[in-house]
PDB file of N, CA and C in Angstrom:
ATOM      1  N   UNK A   1       0.820  -1.189   0.000  1.00  0.00           N
ATOM      2  CA  UNK A   1       0.000   0.000   0.000  1.00  0.00           C
ATOM      3  C   UNK A   1       0.866   1.256   0.000  1.00  0.00           C
ATOM      4  N   UNK A   2       1.998   1.218   0.720  1.00  0.00           N
ATOM      5  CA  UNK A   2       2.874   2.374   0.791  1.00  0.00           C
ATOM      6  C   UNK A   2       3.440   2.743  -0.571  1.00  0.00           C
ATOM      7  N   UNK A   3       3.815   1.741  -1.363  1.00  0.00           N
ATOM      8  CA  UNK A   3       4.361   1.972  -2.699  1.00  0.00           C
ATOM      9  C   UNK A   3       3.370   2.730  -3.564  1.00  0.00           C
ATOM     10  N   UNK A   4       2.124   2.326  -3.530  1.00  0.00           N
ATOM     11  CA  UNK A   4       1.084   2.996  -4.310  1.00  0.00           C
ATOM     12  C   UNK A   4       0.869   4.429  -3.821  1.00  0.00           C
ATOM     13  N   UNK A   5       0.890   4.631  -2.526  1.00  0.00           N
ATOM     14  CA  UNK A   5       0.723   5.986  -1.981  1.00  0.00           C
ATOM     15  C   UNK A   5       1.886   6.878  -2.379  1.00  0.00           C
ATOM     16  N   UNK A   6       3.107   6.327  -2.410  1.00  0.00           N
ATOM     17  CA  UNK A   6       4.251   7.127  -2.833  1.00  0.00           C
ATOM     18  C   UNK A   6       4.104   7.526  -4.291  1.00  0.00           C
ATOM     19  N   UNK A   7       3.606   6.635  -5.113  1.00  0.00           N
ATOM     20  CA  UNK A   7       3.382   6.971  -6.525  1.00  0.00           C
ATOM     21  C   UNK A   7       2.321   8.062  -6.660  1.00  0.00           C
ATOM     22  N   UNK A   8       1.278   7.968  -5.870  1.00  0.00           N
ATOM     23  CA  UNK A   8       0.223   8.983  -5.915  1.00  0.00           C
ATOM     24  C   UNK A   8       0.755  10.328  -5.428  1.00  0.00           C
ATOM     25  N   UNK A   9       1.554  10.318  -4.366  1.00  0.00           N
ATOM     26  CA  UNK A   9       2.165  11.556  -3.879  1.00  0.00           C
ATOM     27  C   UNK A   9       3.044  12.167  -4.968  1.00  0.00           C
ATOM     28  N   UNK A  10       3.824  11.341  -5.652  1.00  0.00           N
ATOM     29  CA  UNK A  10       4.658  11.826  -6.749  1.00  0.00           C
ATOM     30  C   UNK A  10       3.838  12.410  -7.878  1.00  0.00           C
ATOM     31  N   UNK A  11       2.741  11.753  -8.208  1.00  0.00           N
ATOM     32  CA  UNK A  11       1.860  12.243  -9.262  1.00  0.00           C
ATOM     33  C   UNK A  11       1.265  13.593  -8.893  1.00  0.00           C
ATOM     34  N   UNK A  12       0.781  13.718  -7.678  1.00  0.00           N
ATOM     35  CA  UNK A  12       0.199  14.991  -7.227  1.00  0.00           C
ATOM     36  C   UNK A  12       1.257  16.090  -7.144  1.00  0.00           C
ATOM     37  N   UNK A  13       2.456  15.730  -6.712  1.00  0.00           N
ATOM     38  CA  UNK A  13       3.543  16.708  -6.661  1.00  0.00           C
ATOM     39  C   UNK A  13       3.913  17.178  -8.060  1.00  0.00           C
ATOM     40  N   UNK A  14       3.951  16.261  -8.997  1.00  0.00           N
ATOM     41  CA  UNK A  14       4.249  16.623 -10.380  1.00  0.00           C
ATOM     42  C   UNK A  14       3.204  17.552 -10.968  1.00  0.00           C
ATOM     43  N   UNK A  15       1.940  17.271 -10.689  1.00  0.00           N
ATOM     44  CA  UNK A  15       0.883  18.153 -11.170  1.00  0.00           C
ATOM     45  C   UNK A  15       0.977  19.534 -10.541  1.00  0.00           C
ATOM     46  N   UNK A  16       1.258  19.578  -9.241  1.00  0.00           N
ATOM     47  CA  UNK A  16       1.384  20.865  -8.560  1.00  0.00           C
ATOM     48  C   UNK A  16       2.579  21.648  -9.088  1.00  0.00           C
ATOM     49  N   UNK A  17       3.667  20.950  -9.379  1.00  0.00           N
ATOM     50  CA  UNK A  17       4.845  21.656  -9.888  1.00  0.00           C
ATOM     51  C   UNK A  17       4.606  22.203 -11.285  1.00  0.00           C
ATOM     52  N   UNK A  18       3.801  21.520 -12.077  1.00  0.00           N
ATOM     53  CA  UNK A  18       3.476  22.043 -13.414  1.00  0.00           C
ATOM     54  C   UNK A  18       2.668  23.328 -13.303  1.00  0.00           C
ATOM     55  N   UNK A  19       1.830  23.427 -12.291  1.00  0.00           N
ATOM     56  CA  UNK A  19       1.040  24.645 -12.097  1.00  0.00           C
ATOM     57  C   UNK A  19       1.930  25.766 -11.564  1.00  0.00           C
ATOM     58  N   UNK A  20       2.781  25.442 -10.588  1.00  0.00           N
ATOM     59  CA  UNK A  20       3.623  26.460  -9.959  1.00  0.00           C
ATOM     60  C   UNK A  20       4.745  26.889 -10.895  1.00  0.00           C
ATOM     61  N   UNK A  21       5.422  25.930 -11.517  1.00  0.00           N
ATOM     62  CA  UNK A  21       6.563  26.214 -12.381  1.00  0.00           C
ATOM     63  C   UNK A  21       6.132  26.118 -13.837  1.00  0.00           C
ATOM     64  N   UNK A  22       5.202  26.957 -14.240  1.00  0.00           N
ATOM     65  CA  UNK A  22       4.617  26.855 -15.577  1.00  0.00           C
ATOM     66  C   UNK A  22       5.614  27.146 -16.682  1.00  0.00           C
ATOM     67  N   UNK A  23       6.722  27.816 -16.395  1.00  0.00           N
ATOM     68  CA  UNK A  23       7.708  28.116 -17.424  1.00  0.00           C
ATOM     69  C   UNK A  23       8.739  27.015 -17.610  1.00  0.00           C
ATOM     70  N   UNK A  24       8.581  25.915 -16.906  1.00  0.00           N
ATOM     71  CA  UNK A  24       9.559  24.831 -16.945  1.00  0.00           C
ATOM     72  C   UNK A  24       9.552  24.153 -18.304  1.00  0.00           C
ATOM     73  N   UNK A  25      10.743  23.935 -18.889  1.00  0.00           N
ATOM     74  CA  UNK A  25      10.780  23.206 -20.151  1.00  0.00           C
ATOM     75  C   UNK A  25      10.439  21.733 -19.946  1.00  0.00           C
ATOM     76  N   UNK A  26       9.923  21.116 -20.958  1.00  0.00           N
ATOM     77  CA  UNK A  26       9.543  19.714 -20.865  1.00  0.00           C
ATOM     78  C   UNK A  26       8.036  19.576 -20.856  1.00  0.00           C
ATOM     79  N   UNK A  27       7.587  18.388 -21.034  1.00  0.00           N
ATOM     80  CA  UNK A  27       6.160  18.145 -21.096  1.00  0.00           C
ATOM     81  C   UNK A  27       5.585  17.677 -19.778  1.00  0.00           C
ATOM     82  N   UNK A  28       4.318  17.405 -19.807  1.00  0.00           N
ATOM     83  CA  UNK A  28       3.607  16.952 -18.615  1.00  0.00           C
ATOM     84  C   UNK A  28       4.054  15.557 -18.198  1.00  0.00           C
ATOM     85  N   UNK A  29       4.171  14.662 -19.152  1.00  0.00           N
ATOM     86  CA  UNK A  29       4.527  13.277 -18.830  1.00  0.00           C
ATOM     87  C   UNK A  29       5.923  13.175 -18.217  1.00  0.00           C
ATOM     88  N   UNK A  30       6.968  13.826 -18.784  1.00  0.00           N
ATOM     89  CA  UNK A  30       8.280  13.744 -18.123  1.00  0.00           C
ATOM     90  C   UNK A  30       8.277  14.327 -16.708  1.00  0.00           C
ATOM     91  N   UNK A  31       7.525  15.389 -16.503  1.00  0.00           N
ATOM     92  CA  UNK A  31       7.443  15.977 -15.171  1.00  0.00           C
ATOM     93  C   UNK A  31       6.811  15.008 -14.189  1.00  0.00           C
ATOM     94  N   UNK A  32       5.740  14.352 -14.590  1.00  0.00           N
ATOM     95  CA  UNK A  32       5.065  13.401 -13.708  1.00  0.00           C
ATOM     96  C   UNK A  32       5.952  12.197 -13.422  1.00  0.00           C
ATOM     97  N   UNK A  33       6.651  11.704 -14.435  1.00  0.00           N
ATOM     98  CA  UNK A  33       7.531  10.550 -14.237  1.00  0.00           C
ATOM     99  C   UNK A  33       8.665  10.908 -13.283  1.00  0.00           C
ATOM    100  N   UNK A  34       9.274  12.072 -13.467  1.00  0.00           N
ATOM    101  CA  UNK A  34      10.347  12.492 -12.560  1.00  0.00           C
ATOM    102  C   UNK A  34       9.848  12.650 -11.132  1.00  0.00           C
ATOM    103  N   UNK A  35       8.664  13.190 -10.959  1.00  0.00           N
ATOM    104  CA  UNK A  35       8.112  13.361  -9.616  1.00  0.00           C
ATOM    105  C   UNK A  35       7.822  12.011  -8.968  1.00  0.00           C
ATOM    106  N   UNK A  36       7.319  11.062  -9.725  1.00  0.00           N
ATOM    107  CA  UNK A  36       7.049   9.729  -9.179  1.00  0.00           C
ATOM    108  C   UNK A  36       8.350   9.047  -8.792  1.00  0.00           C
ATOM    109  N   UNK A  37       9.370   9.150  -9.645  1.00  0.00           N
ATOM    110  CA  UNK A  37      10.669   8.551  -9.328  1.00  0.00           C
ATOM    111  C   UNK A  37      11.250   9.186  -8.064  1.00  0.00           C
ATOM    112  N   UNK A  38      11.168  10.501  -7.963  1.00  0.00           N
ATOM    113  CA  UNK A  38      11.655  11.185  -6.768  1.00  0.00           C
ATOM    114  C   UNK A  38      10.906  10.765  -5.515  1.00  0.00           C
ATOM    115  N   UNK A  39       9.605  10.602  -5.628  1.00  0.00           N
ATOM    116  CA  UNK A  39       8.807  10.165  -4.479  1.00  0.00           C
ATOM    117  C   UNK A  39       9.179   8.752  -4.062  1.00  0.00           C
ATOM    118  N   UNK A  40       9.413   7.884  -5.024  1.00  0.00           N
ATOM    119  CA  UNK A  40       9.813   6.516  -4.695  1.00  0.00           C
ATOM    120  C   UNK A  40      11.180   6.490  -4.028  1.00  0.00           C
ATOM    121  N   UNK A  41      12.113   7.290  -4.531  1.00  0.00           N
ATOM    122  CA  UNK A  41      13.437   7.343  -3.916  1.00  0.00           C
ATOM    123  C   UNK A  41      13.341   7.872  -2.490  1.00  0.00           C
ATOM    124  N   UNK A  42      12.594   8.945  -2.287  1.00  0.00           N
ATOM    125  CA  UNK A  42      12.409   9.484  -0.939  1.00  0.00           C
ATOM    126  C   UNK A  42      11.723   8.499  -0.009  1.00  0.00           C
ATOM    127  N   UNK A  43      10.737   7.790  -0.517  1.00  0.00           N
ATOM    128  CA  UNK A  43      10.040   6.793   0.295  1.00  0.00           C
ATOM    129  C   UNK A  43      10.930   5.616   0.657  1.00  0.00           C
ATOM    130  N   UNK A  44      11.742   5.164  -0.287  1.00  0.00           N
ATOM    131  CA  UNK A  44      12.670   4.065  -0.011  1.00  0.00           C
ATOM    132  C   UNK A  44      13.710   4.475   1.025  1.00  0.00           C
ATOM    133  N   UNK A  45      14.225   5.691   0.897  1.00  0.00           N
ATOM    134  CA  UNK A  45      15.209   6.163   1.867  1.00  0.00           C
ATOM    135  C   UNK A  45      14.584   6.256   3.255  1.00  0.00           C
ATOM    136  N   UNK A  46      13.371   6.755   3.332  1.00  0.00           N
ATOM    137  CA  UNK A  46      12.682   6.842   4.611  1.00  0.00           C
ATOM    138  C   UNK A  46      12.445   5.461   5.209  1.00  0.00           C
ATOM    139  N   UNK A  47      12.031   4.523   4.378  1.00  0.00           N
ATOM    140  CA  UNK A  47      11.790   3.166   4.873  1.00  0.00           C
ATOM    141  C   UNK A  47      13.091   2.534   5.350  1.00  0.00           C
ATOM    142  N   UNK A  48      14.173   2.795   4.655  1.00  0.00           N
ATOM    143  CA  UNK A  48      15.461   2.235   5.045  1.00  0.00           C
ATOM    144  C   UNK A  48      15.954   2.837   6.360  1.00  0.00           C
ATOM    145  N   UNK A  49      15.847   4.150   6.505  1.00  0.00           N
ATOM    146  CA  UNK A  49      16.346   4.812   7.708  1.00  0.00           C
ATOM    147  C   UNK A  49      15.471   4.561   8.930  1.00  0.00           C
ATOM    148  N   UNK A  50      14.191   4.389   8.716  1.00  0.00           N
ATOM    149  CA  UNK A  50      13.281   4.144   9.839  1.00  0.00           C
ATOM    150  C   UNK A  50      13.145   2.674  10.162  1.00  0.00           C
ATOM    151  N   UNK A  51      13.876   1.819   9.446  1.00  0.00           N
ATOM    152  CA  UNK A  51      13.822   0.368   9.645  1.00  0.00           C
ATOM    153  C   UNK A  51      12.381  -0.145   9.518  1.00  0.00           C
ATOM    154  N   UNK A  52      11.697   0.337   8.516  1.00  0.00           N
ATOM    155  CA  UNK A  52      10.314  -0.055   8.262  1.00  0.00           C
ATOM    156  C   UNK A  52      10.256  -0.881   6.985  1.00  0.00           C
ATOM    157  N   UNK A  53       9.096  -1.392   6.684  1.00  0.00           N
ATOM    158  CA  UNK A  53       8.913  -2.110   5.434  1.00  0.00           C
ATOM    159  C   UNK A  53       8.274  -1.180   4.419  1.00  0.00           C
ATOM    160  N   UNK A  54       8.342  -1.563   3.165  1.00  0.00           N
ATOM    161  CA  UNK A  54       7.775  -0.729   2.117  1.00  0.00           C
ATOM    162  C   UNK A  54       6.254  -0.761   2.105  1.00  0.00           C
ATOM    163  N   UNK A  55       5.657  -1.717   2.783  1.00  0.00           N
ATOM    164  CA  UNK A  55       4.201  -1.826   2.803  1.00  0.00           C
ATOM    165  C   UNK A  55       3.569  -0.900   3.833  1.00  0.00           C
ATOM    166  N   UNK A  56       4.371  -0.399   4.760  1.00  0.00           N
ATOM    167  CA  UNK A  56       3.829   0.493   5.778  1.00  0.00           C
ATOM    168  C   UNK A  56       3.611   1.883   5.215  1.00  0.00           C
ATOM    169  N   UNK A  57       2.644   2.539   5.751  1.00  0.00           N
ATOM    170  CA  UNK A  57       2.352   3.913   5.357  1.00  0.00           C
ATOM    171  C   UNK A  57       2.494   4.784   6.595  1.00  0.00           C
ATOM    172  N   UNK A  58       3.590   5.527   6.657  1.00  0.00           N
ATOM    173  CA  UNK A  58       3.838   6.362   7.818  1.00  0.00           C
ATOM    174  C   UNK A  58       3.920   7.820   7.385  1.00  0.00           C
ATOM    175  N   UNK A  59       3.649   8.734   8.296  1.00  0.00           N
ATOM    176  CA  UNK A  59       3.757  10.157   7.953  1.00  0.00           C
ATOM    177  C   UNK A  59       5.178  10.545   7.530  1.00  0.00           C
ATOM    178  N   UNK A  60       6.175   9.939   8.173  1.00  0.00           N
ATOM    179  CA  UNK A  60       7.552  10.238   7.797  1.00  0.00           C
ATOM    180  C   UNK A  60       7.833   9.800   6.366  1.00  0.00           C
ATOM    181  N   UNK A  61       7.289   8.645   5.989  1.00  0.00           N
ATOM    182  CA  UNK A  61       7.474   8.149   4.631  1.00  0.00           C
ATOM    183  C   UNK A  61       6.805   9.032   3.595  1.00  0.00           C
ATOM    184  N   UNK A  62       5.618   9.517   3.908  1.00  0.00           N
ATOM    185  CA  UNK A  62       4.919  10.403   2.983  1.00  0.00           C
ATOM    186  C   UNK A  62       5.640  11.738   2.828  1.00  0.00           C
ATOM    187  N   UNK A  63       6.142  12.275   3.926  1.00  0.00           N
ATOM    188  CA  UNK A  63       6.893  13.527   3.844  1.00  0.00           C
ATOM    189  C   UNK A  63       8.195  13.336   3.072  1.00  0.00           C
ATOM    190  N   UNK A  64       8.839  12.199   3.273  1.00  0.00           N
ATOM    191  CA  UNK A  64      10.067  11.920   2.528  1.00  0.00           C
ATOM    192  C   UNK A  64       9.767  11.739   1.045  1.00  0.00           C
ATOM    193  N   UNK A  65       8.656  11.115   0.724  1.00  0.00           N
ATOM    194  CA  UNK A  65       8.268  10.953  -0.678  1.00  0.00           C
ATOM    195  C   UNK A  65       7.986  12.304  -1.316  1.00  0.00           C
ATOM    196  N   UNK A  66       7.309  13.172  -0.597  1.00  0.00           N
ATOM    197  CA  UNK A  66       7.033  14.515  -1.094  1.00  0.00           C
ATOM    198  C   UNK A  66       8.333  15.299  -1.291  1.00  0.00           C
ATOM    199  N   UNK A  67       9.210  15.230  -0.314  1.00  0.00           N
ATOM    200  CA  UNK A  67      10.495  15.928  -0.422  1.00  0.00           C
ATOM    201  C   UNK A  67      11.329  15.364  -1.575  1.00  0.00           C
ATOM    202  N   UNK A  68      11.337  14.049  -1.727  1.00  0.00           N
ATOM    203  CA  UNK A  68      12.090  13.433  -2.814  1.00  0.00           C
ATOM    204  C   UNK A  68      11.581  13.856  -4.178  1.00  0.00           C
ATOM    205  N   UNK A  69      10.288  13.955  -4.326  1.00  0.00           N
ATOM    206  CA  UNK A  69       9.705  14.375  -5.603  1.00  0.00           C
ATOM    207  C   UNK A  69      10.066  15.822  -5.914  1.00  0.00           C
ATOM    208  N   UNK A  70       9.967  16.691  -4.916  1.00  0.00           N
ATOM    209  CA  UNK A  70      10.295  18.092  -5.136  1.00  0.00           C
ATOM    210  C   UNK A  70      11.782  18.281  -5.434  1.00  0.00           C
ATOM    211  N   UNK A  71      12.628  17.547  -4.719  1.00  0.00           N
ATOM    212  CA  UNK A  71      14.064  17.647  -4.956  1.00  0.00           C
ATOM    213  C   UNK A  71      14.413  17.153  -6.349  1.00  0.00           C
ATOM    214  N   UNK A  72      13.841  16.038  -6.765  1.00  0.00           N
ATOM    215  CA  UNK A  72      14.122  15.487  -8.094  1.00  0.00           C
ATOM    216  C   UNK A  72      13.720  16.477  -9.184  1.00  0.00           C
ATOM    217  N   UNK A  73      12.560  17.083  -9.051  1.00  0.00           N
ATOM    218  CA  UNK A  73      12.119  18.052 -10.050  1.00  0.00           C
ATOM    219  C   UNK A  73      13.026  19.278 -10.087  1.00  0.00           C
ATOM    220  N   UNK A  74      13.459  19.743  -8.930  1.00  0.00           N
ATOM    221  CA  UNK A  74      14.329  20.917  -8.897  1.00  0.00           C
ATOM    222  C   UNK A  74      15.715  20.606  -9.464  1.00  0.00           C
ATOM    223  N   UNK A  75      16.243  19.423  -9.167  1.00  0.00           N
ATOM    224  CA  UNK A  75      17.560  19.044  -9.702  1.00  0.00           C
ATOM    225  C   UNK A  75      17.522  18.980 -11.222  1.00  0.00           C
ATOM    226  N   UNK A  76      16.509  18.339 -11.763  1.00  0.00           N
ATOM    227  CA  UNK A  76      16.399  18.235 -13.215  1.00  0.00           C
ATOM    228  C   UNK A  76      16.174  19.614 -13.836  1.00  0.00           C
ATOM    229  N   UNK A  77      15.412  20.437 -13.176  1.00  0.00           N
ATOM    230  CA  UNK A  77      15.168  21.791 -13.685  1.00  0.00           C
ATOM    231  C   UNK A  77      16.472  22.586 -13.730  1.00  0.00           C
ATOM    232  N   UNK A  78      17.289  22.479 -12.703  1.00  0.00           N
ATOM    233  CA  UNK A  78      18.551  23.203 -12.667  1.00  0.00           C
ATOM    234  C   UNK A  78      19.542  22.648 -13.698  1.00  0.00           C
ATOM    235  N   UNK A  79      19.527  21.350 -13.928  1.00  0.00           N
ATOM    236  CA  UNK A  79      20.442  20.743 -14.893  1.00  0.00           C
ATOM    237  C   UNK A  79      20.076  21.097 -16.325  1.00  0.00           C
ATOM    238  N   UNK A  80      18.820  21.344 -16.597  1.00  0.00           N
ATOM    239  CA  UNK A  80      18.370  21.661 -17.952  1.00  0.00           C
ATOM    240  C   UNK A  80      18.653  23.103 -18.341  1.00  0.00           C
ATOM    241  N   UNK A  81      18.753  23.982 -17.379  1.00  0.00           N
ATOM    242  CA  UNK A  81      18.928  25.405 -17.678  1.00  0.00           C
ATOM    243  C   UNK A  81      20.363  25.737 -17.939  1.00  0.00           C
TER     244      UNK A  81
END
């Protein structure tokens, strides 16, 4: 269940970033994919550091997934410019 929630968090973060960063180069699909990948990386790191399983859904994991998605989008945005 946690994996699916991390993907949903990434999807929502990607949509929000498209609204906020409307001048960003690239399309909608690459932005959503990058946000989902970032959310999964953040969620995996949180699960690893908290000694939890990937099936658990914790507030720390959701915040890490959100942070991972935002960081991934910002890194790619900075590398493209």
